[in-house]
Protein backbone atom coordinates (compact mmCIF):
# COMPACT_ATOMS: atom_id res chain seq x y z
CA MET A 1 70.96 83.82 87.25
CA ALA A 2 73.19 81.26 88.96
CA THR A 3 73.70 82.09 92.61
CA GLU A 4 76.17 80.03 94.62
CA THR A 5 77.24 80.10 98.26
CA LEU A 6 80.98 80.75 98.25
CA THR A 7 83.62 81.81 100.71
CA LEU A 8 85.43 85.05 99.94
CA GLY A 9 88.53 83.04 99.04
CA LYS A 10 86.62 80.82 96.62
CA ALA A 11 84.85 83.85 95.13
CA LEU A 12 88.23 85.46 94.40
CA ASN A 13 89.46 82.19 92.89
CA THR A 14 86.36 82.00 90.67
CA GLY A 15 86.79 85.64 89.61
CA LEU A 16 90.43 85.05 88.70
CA ARG A 17 89.42 81.99 86.70
CA LYS A 18 86.85 84.03 84.77
CA ALA A 19 89.46 86.69 83.98
CA LEU A 20 91.91 84.06 82.71
CA GLU A 21 89.19 82.51 80.54
CA ASN A 22 88.01 85.81 79.10
CA ASP A 23 91.38 87.38 78.22
CA PRO A 24 94.47 85.44 77.09
CA LYS A 25 96.63 88.44 78.07
CA VAL A 26 95.86 87.94 81.77
CA VAL A 27 98.72 86.31 83.66
CA ILE A 28 99.00 85.59 87.38
CA MET A 29 102.39 85.65 89.07
CA GLY A 30 103.70 85.39 92.59
CA GLU A 31 105.33 83.23 95.22
CA ASP A 32 103.74 79.74 95.33
CA VAL A 33 100.68 80.81 93.30
CA GLY A 34 101.04 77.88 90.89
CA LYS A 35 101.60 74.37 92.20
CA LEU A 36 100.64 75.26 95.77
CA GLY A 37 97.78 77.56 94.77
CA GLY A 38 98.93 80.32 97.13
CA VAL A 39 99.29 80.17 100.90
CA PHE A 40 95.57 80.92 101.22
CA ARG A 41 94.72 78.76 98.17
CA ILE A 42 93.24 81.72 96.31
CA THR A 43 94.86 80.57 93.05
CA ASP A 44 94.23 76.86 93.71
CA GLY A 45 93.85 74.83 90.50
CA LEU A 46 94.56 77.71 88.13
CA GLN A 47 98.03 76.61 87.02
CA LYS A 48 96.75 73.08 86.42
CA ASP A 49 94.03 74.42 84.10
CA PHE A 50 95.85 77.33 82.41
CA GLY A 51 99.48 76.23 82.45
CA ASP A 52 102.66 77.56 83.98
CA GLN A 53 103.05 80.28 81.34
CA ARG A 54 99.94 82.04 82.61
CA VAL A 55 100.05 81.16 86.32
CA ILE A 56 103.70 81.65 87.16
CA ASP A 57 105.58 80.64 90.29
CA THR A 58 108.17 83.35 90.91
CA PRO A 59 111.28 83.55 93.10
CA LEU A 60 110.94 85.03 96.58
CA ALA A 61 111.65 88.55 95.31
CA GLU A 62 108.78 91.02 95.52
CA SER A 63 110.69 93.78 93.75
CA GLY A 64 111.38 91.37 90.90
CA ILE A 65 107.73 90.33 90.70
CA ILE A 66 106.51 93.91 90.35
CA GLY A 67 109.34 94.98 88.02
CA THR A 68 108.66 92.05 85.71
CA ALA A 69 104.94 92.84 85.76
CA VAL A 70 105.61 96.43 84.71
CA GLY A 71 107.43 95.15 81.63
CA LEU A 72 104.62 92.73 80.85
CA ALA A 73 102.01 95.48 81.22
CA ILE A 74 103.91 97.77 78.85
CA ARG A 75 103.96 94.93 76.31
CA GLY A 76 100.16 94.54 76.43
CA PHE A 77 99.67 91.86 79.09
CA ARG A 78 97.47 92.23 82.17
CA PRO A 79 99.58 90.86 85.03
CA VAL A 80 98.03 90.03 88.38
CA CYS A 81 100.72 89.96 91.06
CA GLU A 82 100.18 88.26 94.40
CA ILE A 83 102.13 89.57 97.37
CA GLN A 84 102.01 86.64 99.75
CA PHE A 85 101.44 88.70 102.91
CA ASP A 86 100.94 92.41 103.56
CA GLY A 87 104.26 92.82 105.37
CA PHE A 88 106.14 91.37 102.38
CA VAL A 89 105.17 94.24 100.07
CA TYR A 90 107.84 96.64 101.29
CA PRO A 91 110.70 95.27 99.15
CA ALA A 92 108.44 96.08 96.18
CA TYR A 93 107.47 99.51 97.48
CA ASP A 94 110.11 101.32 95.41
CA GLN A 95 108.89 99.66 92.20
CA ILE A 96 105.26 100.43 93.02
CA VAL A 97 105.78 104.09 93.93
CA SER A 98 108.60 104.96 91.51
CA GLN A 99 107.53 102.95 88.46
CA VAL A 100 103.99 101.55 88.60
CA ALA A 101 102.40 104.78 89.84
CA LYS A 102 104.36 107.12 87.58
CA MET A 103 104.79 105.37 84.22
CA HIS A 104 101.56 106.69 82.71
CA TYR A 105 102.40 110.28 83.69
CA ARG A 106 106.06 109.93 82.76
CA SER A 107 105.04 108.93 79.24
CA GLN A 108 102.58 111.84 78.92
CA GLY A 109 99.73 109.36 78.83
CA LYS A 110 101.17 107.20 76.04
CA VAL A 111 101.83 104.14 78.25
CA ARG A 112 99.25 102.34 80.33
CA ILE A 113 100.08 99.97 83.20
CA PRO A 114 97.05 97.64 83.44
CA MET A 115 98.21 95.56 86.39
CA VAL A 116 96.73 94.40 89.68
CA ILE A 117 98.70 93.92 92.88
CA ARG A 118 96.82 91.58 95.22
CA ILE A 119 97.72 91.94 98.89
CA PRO A 120 96.13 89.90 101.71
CA TYR A 121 96.05 92.41 104.58
CA GLY A 122 95.01 92.94 108.17
CA GLY A 123 95.13 90.85 111.32
CA GLY A 124 92.96 88.36 113.12
CA ILE A 125 94.62 85.11 111.99
CA GLY A 126 97.13 84.64 114.82
CA ALA A 127 100.16 85.14 112.58
CA VAL A 128 103.73 86.15 113.36
CA GLU A 129 105.44 89.47 112.62
CA HIS A 130 105.09 90.91 109.07
CA HIS A 131 101.92 88.88 108.44
CA SER A 132 99.18 91.12 109.85
CA GLU A 133 99.78 94.67 108.67
CA SER A 134 97.48 97.28 107.13
CA PRO A 135 99.53 99.26 104.59
CA GLU A 136 96.62 100.85 102.73
CA ALA A 137 97.48 104.45 103.62
CA TYR A 138 100.89 104.20 101.91
CA PHE A 139 99.31 103.31 98.60
CA SER A 140 96.23 105.51 98.91
CA HIS A 141 98.57 108.47 99.46
CA THR A 142 100.48 107.67 96.26
CA ALA A 143 99.19 109.60 93.24
CA GLY A 144 98.89 107.37 90.18
CA LEU A 145 97.63 104.30 92.03
CA LYS A 146 94.10 103.15 92.63
CA VAL A 147 93.33 101.17 95.79
CA VAL A 148 90.29 98.99 96.42
CA THR A 149 89.28 96.43 99.03
CA CYS A 150 86.46 93.89 99.10
CA ALA A 151 84.50 92.89 102.19
CA ASN A 152 82.24 90.04 101.02
CA PRO A 153 82.24 87.21 98.46
CA GLN A 154 80.08 88.98 95.84
CA ASP A 155 82.37 92.00 95.83
CA GLY A 156 85.45 89.79 95.81
CA TYR A 157 84.17 87.98 92.71
CA SER A 158 83.17 91.12 90.81
CA MET A 159 85.84 93.55 91.96
CA ILE A 160 88.84 91.35 91.09
CA GLN A 161 87.52 91.02 87.52
CA GLN A 162 86.84 94.76 87.28
CA ALA A 163 90.33 95.55 88.57
CA ILE A 164 91.95 93.23 86.02
CA ALA A 165 89.89 94.78 83.21
CA SER A 166 90.93 98.31 84.23
CA ASP A 167 93.72 100.08 82.33
CA ASP A 168 95.01 101.60 85.58
CA PRO A 169 97.37 100.04 88.14
CA ILE A 170 95.29 98.86 91.07
CA VAL A 171 96.33 97.72 94.53
CA PHE A 172 93.73 95.11 95.46
CA LEU A 173 93.55 94.56 99.21
CA GLU A 174 92.01 91.31 100.45
CA PRO A 175 90.93 91.02 104.13
CA LYS A 176 92.58 87.73 104.96
CA ARG A 177 90.60 87.16 108.18
CA ARG A 178 87.44 87.12 106.04
CA TYR A 179 88.64 84.58 103.43
CA TRP A 180 86.54 81.82 104.98
CA GLU A 181 83.30 83.77 105.45
CA LYS A 182 80.49 82.73 103.11
CA GLY A 183 77.96 84.65 101.06
CA GLN A 184 75.78 84.48 97.99
CA VAL A 185 77.53 85.14 94.66
CA ASP A 186 75.88 85.57 91.28
CA VAL A 187 78.51 83.94 89.10
CA ASP A 188 76.62 84.54 85.85
CA ALA A 189 75.97 88.25 86.21
CA PRO A 190 77.59 90.25 83.36
CA LEU A 191 80.58 92.25 84.54
CA ALA A 192 79.12 95.34 82.85
CA GLU A 193 76.20 95.18 85.28
CA ALA A 194 78.32 94.82 88.41
CA TYR A 195 78.34 97.53 91.05
CA PRO A 196 80.91 100.21 90.06
CA LEU A 197 84.43 99.40 91.23
CA HIS A 198 85.16 102.80 92.76
CA ALA A 199 81.82 103.42 94.46
CA ALA A 200 80.92 103.05 98.13
CA ARG A 201 77.79 101.15 99.11
CA VAL A 202 75.34 101.28 102.01
CA ALA A 203 75.74 97.90 103.70
CA ARG A 204 73.00 98.54 106.25
CA PRO A 205 70.59 101.50 106.34
CA GLY A 206 70.07 103.41 109.56
CA THR A 207 68.94 106.74 110.95
CA ASP A 208 70.82 107.51 114.17
CA ALA A 209 74.55 107.50 113.32
CA THR A 210 76.79 106.68 110.35
CA VAL A 211 79.60 104.12 110.59
CA LEU A 212 82.13 104.11 107.75
CA ALA A 213 84.32 101.03 107.30
CA TYR A 214 86.15 99.02 104.66
CA GLY A 215 87.64 95.58 104.18
CA PRO A 216 87.81 93.46 107.34
CA MET A 217 86.06 96.07 109.50
CA VAL A 218 82.80 96.04 107.53
CA ARG A 219 81.74 92.84 109.28
CA THR A 220 82.70 94.33 112.64
CA ALA A 221 80.67 97.45 111.90
CA LEU A 222 77.66 95.36 110.84
CA ASP A 223 77.89 93.31 114.04
CA ALA A 224 77.98 96.56 116.03
CA ALA A 225 74.90 97.79 114.18
CA THR A 226 73.06 94.57 115.02
CA ALA A 227 73.95 94.96 118.69
CA ALA A 228 72.97 98.64 118.68
CA ALA A 229 69.58 97.79 117.19
CA GLU A 230 68.80 95.69 120.26
CA ASP A 231 69.06 98.90 122.28
CA GLY A 232 66.87 100.83 119.84
CA ARG A 233 69.65 102.65 118.00
CA GLU A 234 69.83 102.27 114.21
CA LEU A 235 73.32 102.63 112.71
CA GLU A 236 73.88 103.15 108.99
CA VAL A 237 76.93 101.17 107.86
CA ILE A 238 78.71 102.20 104.66
CA ASP A 239 81.29 99.96 102.99
CA LEU A 240 83.73 102.36 101.32
CA ARG A 241 85.15 99.66 98.95
CA SER A 242 87.45 102.12 97.12
CA LEU A 243 90.16 103.89 99.13
CA SER A 244 91.67 105.77 96.19
CA PRO A 245 89.72 107.35 94.69
CA LEU A 246 87.50 107.79 97.75
CA ASP A 247 83.79 107.87 97.04
CA LEU A 248 82.15 109.69 99.96
CA THR A 249 78.94 110.74 98.22
CA SER A 250 76.79 108.25 100.13
CA ALA A 251 78.68 109.07 103.33
CA TYR A 252 77.91 112.77 102.97
CA GLU A 253 74.24 112.02 102.35
CA SER A 254 74.13 109.72 105.35
CA VAL A 255 75.89 112.08 107.78
CA LYS A 256 73.66 114.97 106.75
CA ARG A 257 70.73 112.80 107.86
CA THR A 258 72.19 111.25 111.01
CA GLY A 259 74.43 114.10 112.23
CA ARG A 260 76.97 111.65 113.65
CA CYS A 261 79.86 109.71 112.11
CA VAL A 262 82.34 107.06 113.25
CA VAL A 263 85.15 105.83 110.98
CA VAL A 264 86.61 102.36 111.60
CA HIS A 265 89.82 100.75 110.31
CA GLU A 266 92.45 98.31 111.55
CA ALA A 267 95.49 100.42 110.65
CA PRO A 268 96.99 102.78 113.26
CA GLY A 269 95.10 106.03 113.67
CA ASN A 270 98.01 108.43 113.19
CA LEU A 271 97.76 109.83 109.62
CA GLY A 272 95.54 106.92 108.61
CA LEU A 273 92.66 106.84 106.11
CA GLY A 274 90.30 107.71 108.94
CA ALA A 275 91.91 111.11 109.38
CA GLU A 276 91.41 112.03 105.72
CA ILE A 277 87.84 110.75 105.77
CA ALA A 278 87.06 112.66 108.96
CA ALA A 279 88.47 115.86 107.45
CA ARG A 280 86.36 115.53 104.31
CA ILE A 281 83.20 114.69 106.28
CA THR A 282 83.78 117.73 108.49
CA GLU A 283 84.32 120.03 105.50
CA GLU A 284 81.26 118.81 103.63
CA CYS A 285 78.84 118.20 106.51
CA PHE A 286 79.93 120.78 109.08
CA TYR A 287 76.51 122.32 109.63
CA SER A 288 74.82 118.94 109.92
CA LEU A 289 77.19 117.41 112.48
CA GLU A 290 75.92 117.07 116.04
CA SER A 291 79.34 115.91 117.29
CA PRO A 292 82.93 115.55 116.01
CA VAL A 293 83.73 112.71 113.62
CA LEU A 294 85.32 109.97 115.72
CA ARG A 295 87.77 107.27 114.70
CA VAL A 296 88.11 103.68 115.93
CA THR A 297 91.45 102.27 114.78
CA GLY A 298 94.39 100.09 115.62
CA PHE A 299 96.83 101.60 118.08
CA ASP A 300 99.92 103.60 117.12
CA THR A 301 102.29 100.71 117.76
CA PRO A 302 103.78 97.98 115.58
CA TYR A 303 101.34 95.10 115.20
CA PRO A 304 101.53 93.05 118.41
CA ALA A 305 102.20 89.38 119.04
CA ALA A 306 99.31 87.09 118.10
CA ARG A 307 98.36 86.35 121.71
CA VAL A 308 97.30 89.96 122.27
CA GLU A 309 96.11 90.95 118.79
CA GLU A 310 92.46 90.90 119.86
CA GLU A 311 93.31 93.72 122.28
CA TYR A 312 94.75 95.69 119.35
CA LEU A 313 92.05 95.20 116.75
CA PRO A 314 88.91 97.35 116.79
CA ASP A 315 85.95 95.29 117.92
CA LEU A 316 82.23 95.61 118.44
CA ASP A 317 82.59 97.15 121.90
CA ARG A 318 85.02 99.85 120.75
CA VAL A 319 82.74 100.78 117.85
CA LEU A 320 79.70 100.99 120.11
CA ASP A 321 81.67 103.04 122.64
CA ALA A 322 82.55 105.55 119.92
CA VAL A 323 78.90 105.74 118.85
CA ASP A 324 77.89 106.37 122.46
CA ARG A 325 80.45 109.18 122.68
CA THR A 326 78.99 110.87 119.60
CA PHE A 327 75.69 111.04 121.47
CA GLY A 328 77.39 112.53 124.51
CA TRP A 329 78.18 115.87 122.86
């Protein structure tokens, strides 16, 4: 077992490298992914080592990137498309919803679309408009797509390889504010032994309340749990990891023990993932709940200017306030 300390960004780069090495049908394509190595350097060095026929710099045309990838996938390739920033995905939205998500069903199961759409998402980096959005609900709502998001380097390394190996189209959301956070990664572990791609995981056990989070908010939830422990309150933090399909088995088990649940995400609350999760928790755990399921989310406004984004993003204090309110019922 070879364990290395890697940032999330480097773990994703290493996972992409492994996928390119293991399958000659894997190709990476996107704006500036080749010579530059991507704006966040996630594909750094890959074009140099694998050539410009497998790591392809594309024009600034997201619809063209996705449309080309659909054709490649139909022909047996496994394209990995990088959308440079979350807010740039919308020109490709028609291709994703009308073609990528529907091709398998349209062909009565005869055609597979084994492609991955990588999207750095979320705020916290002080960026300008269209660079800090959380579009996960759009894709999670779309039948025919699978949506996953990593929260730490080990998951980034394993999950990107699992997504590429899947025969389904997968939207792979990367929490850009966490790219530089470090963690231990077992780079030699067989992919077959990795934690299942579409399964949630308990990130921190606890007994008093359940906090559900994904992507960039997992770290926030863990920090809140650490702070709560100083006051004698043990929070169980669950990293959902897969947004479509949603795996809430561990969440149900947790809430039935704790009786309280808080859901955290950066996206606006109105019709967000938190609403669906809260509805399912309420249906499944109704007789165990000691209080309503509460949500801590971004506000129902367009993402603000960078100078006030910390006021917009859920933080430790807002999570702890929600937990306190669950004990007030």
